[in-house]
Amino acid sequence: VQAGGSLRLSCAASGLTFSNYRMGWFRQAP
C-alpha cells in the first residue's frame, strides 16, 4: 500500500474454542 493508505488484516482460527481466547496481533520488521 501507499503511505497514508489502509489495510484490513484478518486472522481465521480453527481447532480451538475461539470465543474463549484473547487474540493479539504482533509484527516483526527485518
PDB file of all heavy atoms in Angstrom:
ATOM      1  N   VAL A   1       0.836  -1.190   0.000  1.00  0.00           N
ATOM      2  CA  VAL A   1       0.000   0.000   0.000  1.00  0.00           C
ATOM      3  C   VAL A   1       0.873   1.243   0.000  1.00  0.00           C
ATOM      4  O   VAL A   1       2.037   1.212   0.410  1.00  0.00           O
ATOM      5  CB  VAL A   1      -0.963   0.054   1.201  1.00  0.00           C
ATOM      6  CG1 VAL A   1      -1.945  -1.107   1.159  1.00  0.00           C
ATOM      7  CG2 VAL A   1      -0.189   0.050   2.515  1.00  0.00           C
ATOM      8  N   GLN A   2       0.298   2.339  -0.440  1.00  0.00           N
ATOM      9  CA  GLN A   2       0.972   3.625  -0.405  1.00  0.00           C
ATOM     10  C   GLN A   2       0.909   4.213   0.998  1.00  0.00           C
ATOM     11  O   GLN A   2      -0.015   3.932   1.769  1.00  0.00           O
ATOM     12  CB  GLN A   2       0.315   4.598  -1.381  1.00  0.00           C
ATOM     13  CG  GLN A   2       0.292   4.149  -2.824  1.00  0.00           C
ATOM     14  CD  GLN A   2       1.454   4.696  -3.613  1.00  0.00           C
ATOM     15  OE1 GLN A   2       1.849   5.836  -3.424  1.00  0.00           O
ATOM     16  NE2 GLN A   2       2.002   3.893  -4.506  1.00  0.00           N
ATOM     17  N   ALA A   3       1.907   5.014   1.337  1.00  0.00           N
ATOM     18  CA  ALA A   3       1.874   5.727   2.606  1.00  0.00           C
ATOM     19  C   ALA A   3       0.583   6.530   2.719  1.00  0.00           C
ATOM     20  O   ALA A   3       0.155   7.173   1.761  1.00  0.00           O
ATOM     21  CB  ALA A   3       3.085   6.642   2.736  1.00  0.00           C
ATOM     22  N   GLY A   4      -0.024   6.473   3.894  1.00  0.00           N
ATOM     23  CA  GLY A   4      -1.295   7.134   4.111  1.00  0.00           C
ATOM     24  C   GLY A   4      -2.495   6.254   3.832  1.00  0.00           C
ATOM     25  O   GLY A   4      -3.628   6.630   4.173  1.00  0.00           O
ATOM     26  N   GLY A   5      -2.265   5.103   3.245  1.00  0.00           N
ATOM     27  CA  GLY A   5      -3.342   4.195   2.911  1.00  0.00           C
ATOM     28  C   GLY A   5      -3.740   3.302   4.061  1.00  0.00           C
ATOM     29  O   GLY A   5      -3.237   3.426   5.184  1.00  0.00           O
ATOM     30  N   SER A   6      -4.633   2.372   3.773  1.00  0.00           N
ATOM     31  CA  SER A   6      -5.195   1.496   4.792  1.00  0.00           C
ATOM     32  C   SER A   6      -5.181   0.048   4.342  1.00  0.00           C
ATOM     33  O   SER A   6      -5.218  -0.254   3.149  1.00  0.00           O
ATOM     34  CB  SER A   6      -6.642   1.893   5.104  1.00  0.00           C
ATOM     35  OG  SER A   6      -6.729   3.215   5.601  1.00  0.00           O
ATOM     36  N   LEU A   7      -5.138  -0.840   5.315  1.00  0.00           N
ATOM     37  CA  LEU A   7      -5.285  -2.270   5.100  1.00  0.00           C
ATOM     38  C   LEU A   7      -6.098  -2.846   6.240  1.00  0.00           C
ATOM     39  O   LEU A   7      -6.054  -2.343   7.361  1.00  0.00           O
ATOM     40  CB  LEU A   7      -3.937  -2.982   5.048  1.00  0.00           C
ATOM     41  CG  LEU A   7      -3.104  -2.907   3.782  1.00  0.00           C
ATOM     42  CD1 LEU A   7      -1.758  -3.583   4.017  1.00  0.00           C
ATOM     43  CD2 LEU A   7      -3.825  -3.557   2.612  1.00  0.00           C
ATOM     44  N   ARG A   8      -6.808  -3.913   5.947  1.00  0.00           N
ATOM     45  CA  ARG A   8      -7.517  -4.650   6.976  1.00  0.00           C
ATOM     46  C   ARG A   8      -7.034  -6.089   6.971  1.00  0.00           C
ATOM     47  O   ARG A   8      -7.257  -6.818   6.004  1.00  0.00           O
ATOM     48  CB  ARG A   8      -9.023  -4.616   6.753  1.00  0.00           C
ATOM     49  CG  ARG A   8      -9.822  -5.155   7.940  1.00  0.00           C
ATOM     50  CD  ARG A   8     -11.276  -5.362   7.585  1.00  0.00           C
ATOM     51  NE  ARG A   8     -12.100  -5.572   8.772  1.00  0.00           N
ATOM     52  CZ  ARG A   8     -13.324  -6.114   8.750  1.00  0.00           C
ATOM     53  NH1 ARG A   8     -13.866  -6.492   7.598  1.00  0.00           N
ATOM     54  NH2 ARG A   8     -14.001  -6.255   9.885  1.00  0.00           N
ATOM     55  N   LEU A   9      -6.371  -6.477   8.046  1.00  0.00           N
ATOM     56  CA  LEU A   9      -5.882  -7.832   8.185  1.00  0.00           C
ATOM     57  C   LEU A   9      -6.935  -8.703   8.847  1.00  0.00           C
ATOM     58  O   LEU A   9      -7.689  -8.247   9.704  1.00  0.00           O
ATOM     59  CB  LEU A   9      -4.607  -7.867   9.023  1.00  0.00           C
ATOM     60  CG  LEU A   9      -3.458  -6.963   8.582  1.00  0.00           C
ATOM     61  CD1 LEU A   9      -2.247  -7.185   9.487  1.00  0.00           C
ATOM     62  CD2 LEU A   9      -3.102  -7.202   7.127  1.00  0.00           C
ATOM     63  N   SER A  10      -6.966  -9.967   8.453  1.00  0.00           N
ATOM     64  CA  SER A  10      -7.871 -10.932   9.048  1.00  0.00           C
ATOM     65  C   SER A  10      -7.081 -12.124   9.551  1.00  0.00           C
ATOM     66  O   SER A  10      -6.039 -12.474   8.999  1.00  0.00           O
ATOM     67  CB  SER A  10      -8.910 -11.411   8.021  1.00  0.00           C
ATOM     68  OG  SER A  10      -9.712 -10.353   7.562  1.00  0.00           O
ATOM     69  N   CYS A  11      -7.587 -12.743  10.591  1.00  0.00           N
ATOM     70  CA  CYS A  11      -6.998 -13.963  11.135  1.00  0.00           C
ATOM     71  C   CYS A  11      -8.121 -14.944  11.391  1.00  0.00           C
ATOM     72  O   CYS A  11      -8.965 -14.710  12.265  1.00  0.00           O
ATOM     73  CB  CYS A  11      -6.231 -13.667  12.425  1.00  0.00           C
ATOM     74  SG  CYS A  11      -5.649 -15.139  13.303  1.00  0.00           S
ATOM     75  N   ALA A  12      -8.132 -16.014  10.634  1.00  0.00           N
ATOM     76  CA  ALA A  12      -9.142 -17.055  10.780  1.00  0.00           C
ATOM     77  C   ALA A  12      -8.594 -18.169  11.655  1.00  0.00           C
ATOM     78  O   ALA A  12      -7.522 -18.711  11.383  1.00  0.00           O
ATOM     79  CB  ALA A  12      -9.545 -17.594   9.415  1.00  0.00           C
ATOM     80  N   ALA A  13      -9.336 -18.515  12.689  1.00  0.00           N
ATOM     81  CA  ALA A  13      -8.902 -19.523  13.646  1.00  0.00           C
ATOM     82  C   ALA A  13      -9.724 -20.795  13.491  1.00  0.00           C
ATOM     83  O   ALA A  13     -10.919 -20.755  13.200  1.00  0.00           O
ATOM     84  CB  ALA A  13      -9.038 -18.999  15.072  1.00  0.00           C
ATOM     85  N   SER A  14      -9.069 -21.923  13.706  1.00  0.00           N
ATOM     86  CA  SER A  14      -9.746 -23.215  13.701  1.00  0.00           C
ATOM     87  C   SER A  14      -9.082 -24.121  14.727  1.00  0.00           C
ATOM     88  O   SER A  14      -7.935 -23.911  15.103  1.00  0.00           O
ATOM     89  CB  SER A  14      -9.715 -23.858  12.313  1.00  0.00           C
ATOM     90  OG  SER A  14      -8.382 -24.099  11.891  1.00  0.00           O
ATOM     91  N   GLY A  15      -9.816 -25.120  15.172  1.00  0.00           N
ATOM     92  CA  GLY A  15      -9.262 -26.077  16.117  1.00  0.00           C
ATOM     93  C   GLY A  15      -9.256 -25.615  17.562  1.00  0.00           C
ATOM     94  O   GLY A  15      -8.664 -26.287  18.416  1.00  0.00           O
ATOM     95  N   LEU A  16      -9.882 -24.492  17.857  1.00  0.00           N
ATOM     96  CA  LEU A  16      -9.973 -24.001  19.217  1.00  0.00           C
ATOM     97  C   LEU A  16     -11.342 -23.376  19.448  1.00  0.00           C
ATOM     98  O   LEU A  16     -12.060 -23.071  18.496  1.00  0.00           O
ATOM     99  CB  LEU A  16      -8.842 -23.016  19.528  1.00  0.00           C
ATOM    100  CG  LEU A  16      -8.595 -21.845  18.567  1.00  0.00           C
ATOM    101  CD1 LEU A  16      -9.702 -20.803  18.640  1.00  0.00           C
ATOM    102  CD2 LEU A  16      -7.252 -21.200  18.865  1.00  0.00           C
ATOM    103  N   THR A  17     -11.670 -23.217  20.713  1.00  0.00           N
ATOM    104  CA  THR A  17     -12.903 -22.510  21.061  1.00  0.00           C
ATOM    105  C   THR A  17     -12.583 -21.027  21.041  1.00  0.00           C
ATOM    106  O   THR A  17     -12.161 -20.449  22.037  1.00  0.00           O
ATOM    107  CB  THR A  17     -13.415 -22.958  22.430  1.00  0.00           C
ATOM    108  OG1 THR A  17     -13.565 -24.386  22.449  1.00  0.00           O
ATOM    109  CG2 THR A  17     -14.769 -22.311  22.723  1.00  0.00           C
ATOM    110  N   PHE A  18     -12.781 -20.434  19.894  1.00  0.00           N
ATOM    111  CA  PHE A  18     -12.287 -19.101  19.618  1.00  0.00           C
ATOM    112  C   PHE A  18     -12.728 -18.068  20.643  1.00  0.00           C
ATOM    113  O   PHE A  18     -11.937 -17.222  21.064  1.00  0.00           O
ATOM    114  CB  PHE A  18     -12.732 -18.686  18.212  1.00  0.00           C
ATOM    115  CG  PHE A  18     -12.254 -17.330  17.793  1.00  0.00           C
ATOM    116  CD1 PHE A  18     -10.947 -17.144  17.380  1.00  0.00           C
ATOM    117  CD2 PHE A  18     -13.111 -16.246  17.810  1.00  0.00           C
ATOM    118  CE1 PHE A  18     -10.501 -15.895  16.986  1.00  0.00           C
ATOM    119  CE2 PHE A  18     -12.679 -14.988  17.412  1.00  0.00           C
ATOM    120  CZ  PHE A  18     -11.375 -14.818  17.000  1.00  0.00           C
ATOM    121  N   SER A  19     -13.976 -18.127  21.049  1.00  0.00           N
ATOM    122  CA  SER A  19     -14.503 -17.106  21.944  1.00  0.00           C
ATOM    123  C   SER A  19     -13.861 -17.122  23.323  1.00  0.00           C
ATOM    124  O   SER A  19     -14.010 -16.162  24.075  1.00  0.00           O
ATOM    125  CB  SER A  19     -16.023 -17.247  22.076  1.00  0.00           C
ATOM    126  OG  SER A  19     -16.369 -18.511  22.615  1.00  0.00           O
ATOM    127  N   ASN A  20     -13.155 -18.181  23.671  1.00  0.00           N
ATOM    128  CA  ASN A  20     -12.506 -18.285  24.973  1.00  0.00           C
ATOM    129  C   ASN A  20     -11.091 -17.726  24.992  1.00  0.00           C
ATOM    130  O   ASN A  20     -10.457 -17.714  26.049  1.00  0.00           O
ATOM    131  CB  ASN A  20     -12.463 -19.739  25.433  1.00  0.00           C
ATOM    132  CG  ASN A  20     -13.836 -20.288  25.774  1.00  0.00           C
ATOM    133  OD1 ASN A  20     -14.799 -19.539  25.918  1.00  0.00           O
ATOM    134  ND2 ASN A  20     -13.927 -21.601  25.906  1.00  0.00           N
ATOM    135  N   TYR A  21     -10.591 -17.269  23.857  1.00  0.00           N
ATOM    136  CA  TYR A  21      -9.206 -16.840  23.746  1.00  0.00           C
ATOM    137  C   TYR A  21      -9.087 -15.330  23.614  1.00  0.00           C
ATOM    138  O   TYR A  21      -9.877 -14.692  22.919  1.00  0.00           O
ATOM    139  CB  TYR A  21      -8.538 -17.482  22.527  1.00  0.00           C
ATOM    140  CG  TYR A  21      -8.176 -18.934  22.700  1.00  0.00           C
ATOM    141  CD1 TYR A  21      -9.150 -19.918  22.735  1.00  0.00           C
ATOM    142  CD2 TYR A  21      -6.843 -19.322  22.810  1.00  0.00           C
ATOM    143  CE1 TYR A  21      -8.810 -21.254  22.894  1.00  0.00           C
ATOM    144  CE2 TYR A  21      -6.493 -20.646  22.958  1.00  0.00           C
ATOM    145  CZ  TYR A  21      -7.481 -21.612  23.000  1.00  0.00           C
ATOM    146  OH  TYR A  21      -7.133 -22.938  23.144  1.00  0.00           O
ATOM    147  N   ARG A  22      -8.064 -14.792  24.281  1.00  0.00           N
ATOM    148  CA  ARG A  22      -7.623 -13.453  23.948  1.00  0.00           C
ATOM    149  C   ARG A  22      -6.867 -13.544  22.632  1.00  0.00           C
ATOM    150  O   ARG A  22      -6.039 -14.437  22.438  1.00  0.00           O
ATOM    151  CB  ARG A  22      -6.709 -12.892  25.027  1.00  0.00           C
ATOM    152  CG  ARG A  22      -6.183 -11.494  24.715  1.00  0.00           C
ATOM    153  CD  ARG A  22      -5.088 -11.071  25.680  1.00  0.00           C
ATOM    154  NE  ARG A  22      -5.536 -11.093  27.056  1.00  0.00           N
ATOM    155  CZ  ARG A  22      -6.222 -10.136  27.657  1.00  0.00           C
ATOM    156  NH1 ARG A  22      -6.532  -9.024  26.987  1.00  0.00           N
ATOM    157  NH2 ARG A  22      -6.592 -10.250  28.924  1.00  0.00           N
ATOM    158  N   MET A  23      -7.124 -12.616  21.742  1.00  0.00           N
ATOM    159  CA  MET A  23      -6.463 -12.602  20.453  1.00  0.00           C
ATOM    160  C   MET A  23      -5.578 -11.367  20.337  1.00  0.00           C
ATOM    161  O   MET A  23      -5.955 -10.279  20.786  1.00  0.00           O
ATOM    162  CB  MET A  23      -7.478 -12.611  19.310  1.00  0.00           C
ATOM    163  CG  MET A  23      -8.430 -13.807  19.336  1.00  0.00           C
ATOM    164  SD  MET A  23      -7.569 -15.407  19.193  1.00  0.00           S
ATOM    165  CE  MET A  23      -6.833 -15.243  17.562  1.00  0.00           C
ATOM    166  N   GLY A  24      -4.426 -11.557  19.732  1.00  0.00           N
ATOM    167  CA  GLY A  24      -3.490 -10.455  19.606  1.00  0.00           C
ATOM    168  C   GLY A  24      -2.855 -10.398  18.236  1.00  0.00           C
ATOM    169  O   GLY A  24      -2.861 -11.369  17.478  1.00  0.00           O
ATOM    170  N   TRP A  25      -2.327  -9.229  17.933  1.00  0.00           N
ATOM    171  CA  TRP A  25      -1.531  -9.009  16.728  1.00  0.00           C
ATOM    172  C   TRP A  25      -0.143  -8.533  17.132  1.00  0.00           C
ATOM    173  O   TRP A  25      -0.001  -7.640  17.981  1.00  0.00           O
ATOM    174  CB  TRP A  25      -2.163  -7.969  15.808  1.00  0.00           C
ATOM    175  CG  TRP A  25      -3.388  -8.442  15.089  1.00  0.00           C
ATOM    176  CD1 TRP A  25      -4.686  -8.259  15.454  1.00  0.00           C
ATOM    177  CD2 TRP A  25      -3.424  -9.174  13.853  1.00  0.00           C
ATOM    178  NE1 TRP A  25      -5.532  -8.824  14.533  1.00  0.00           N
ATOM    179  CE2 TRP A  25      -4.785  -9.394  13.542  1.00  0.00           C
ATOM    180  CE3 TRP A  25      -2.445  -9.652  12.989  1.00  0.00           C
ATOM    181  CZ2 TRP A  25      -5.183 -10.077  12.395  1.00  0.00           C
ATOM    182  CZ3 TRP A  25      -2.847 -10.339  11.853  1.00  0.00           C
ATOM    183  CH2 TRP A  25      -4.197 -10.551  11.567  1.00  0.00           C
ATOM    184  N   PHE A  26       0.856  -9.120  16.518  1.00  0.00           N
ATOM    185  CA  PHE A  26       2.243  -8.728  16.678  1.00  0.00           C
ATOM    186  C   PHE A  26       2.835  -8.486  15.296  1.00  0.00           C
ATOM    187  O   PHE A  26       2.269  -8.899  14.285  1.00  0.00           O
ATOM    188  CB  PHE A  26       3.037  -9.807  17.416  1.00  0.00           C
ATOM    189  CG  PHE A  26       2.636  -9.986  18.855  1.00  0.00           C
ATOM    190  CD1 PHE A  26       1.477 -10.660  19.189  1.00  0.00           C
ATOM    191  CD2 PHE A  26       3.423  -9.480  19.876  1.00  0.00           C
ATOM    192  CE1 PHE A  26       1.099 -10.834  20.507  1.00  0.00           C
ATOM    193  CE2 PHE A  26       3.068  -9.641  21.206  1.00  0.00           C
ATOM    194  CZ  PHE A  26       1.903 -10.319  21.521  1.00  0.00           C
ATOM    195  N   ARG A  27       3.980  -7.838  15.269  1.00  0.00           N
ATOM    196  CA  ARG A  27       4.646  -7.636  13.990  1.00  0.00           C
ATOM    197  C   ARG A  27       6.150  -7.716  14.166  1.00  0.00           C
ATOM    198  O   ARG A  27       6.684  -7.504  15.252  1.00  0.00           O
ATOM    199  CB  ARG A  27       4.253  -6.291  13.369  1.00  0.00           C
ATOM    200  CG  ARG A  27       4.820  -5.071  14.078  1.00  0.00           C
ATOM    201  CD  ARG A  27       4.307  -3.783  13.443  1.00  0.00           C
ATOM    202  NE  ARG A  27       4.984  -2.603  13.960  1.00  0.00           N
ATOM    203  CZ  ARG A  27       4.676  -1.363  13.621  1.00  0.00           C
ATOM    204  NH1 ARG A  27       3.696  -1.127  12.752  1.00  0.00           N
ATOM    205  NH2 ARG A  27       5.356  -0.342  14.141  1.00  0.00           N
ATOM    206  N   GLN A  28       6.821  -8.022  13.070  1.00  0.00           N
ATOM    207  CA  GLN A  28       8.269  -8.114  13.088  1.00  0.00           C
ATOM    208  C   GLN A  28       8.824  -7.587  11.779  1.00  0.00           C
ATOM    209  O   GLN A  28       8.513  -8.105  10.711  1.00  0.00           O
ATOM    210  CB  GLN A  28       8.731  -9.552  13.314  1.00  0.00           C
ATOM    211  CG  GLN A  28      10.223  -9.688  13.533  1.00  0.00           C
ATOM    212  CD  GLN A  28      10.612 -11.044  14.096  1.00  0.00           C
ATOM    213  OE1 GLN A  28       9.856 -12.008  13.987  1.00  0.00           O
ATOM    214  NE2 GLN A  28      11.773 -11.127  14.700  1.00  0.00           N
ATOM    215  N   ALA A  29       9.640  -6.556  11.891  1.00  0.00           N
ATOM    216  CA  ALA A  29      10.316  -5.983  10.746  1.00  0.00           C
ATOM    217  C   ALA A  29      11.694  -6.609  10.610  1.00  0.00           C
ATOM    218  O   ALA A  29      12.254  -7.111  11.584  1.00  0.00           O
ATOM    219  CB  ALA A  29      10.431  -4.468  10.905  1.00  0.00           C
ATOM    220  N   PRO A  30      12.275  -6.581   9.419  1.00  0.00           N
ATOM    221  CA  PRO A  30      13.615  -7.153   9.233  1.00  0.00           C
ATOM    222  C   PRO A  30      14.629  -6.554  10.195  1.00  0.00           C
ATOM    223  O   PRO A  30      14.720  -5.328  10.333  1.00  0.00           O
ATOM    224  CB  PRO A  30      13.947  -6.797   7.787  1.00  0.00           C
ATOM    225  CG  PRO A  30      12.619  -6.676   7.119  1.00  0.00           C
ATOM    226  CD  PRO A  30      11.713  -6.077   8.160  1.00  0.00           C
TER     227      PRO A  30
END
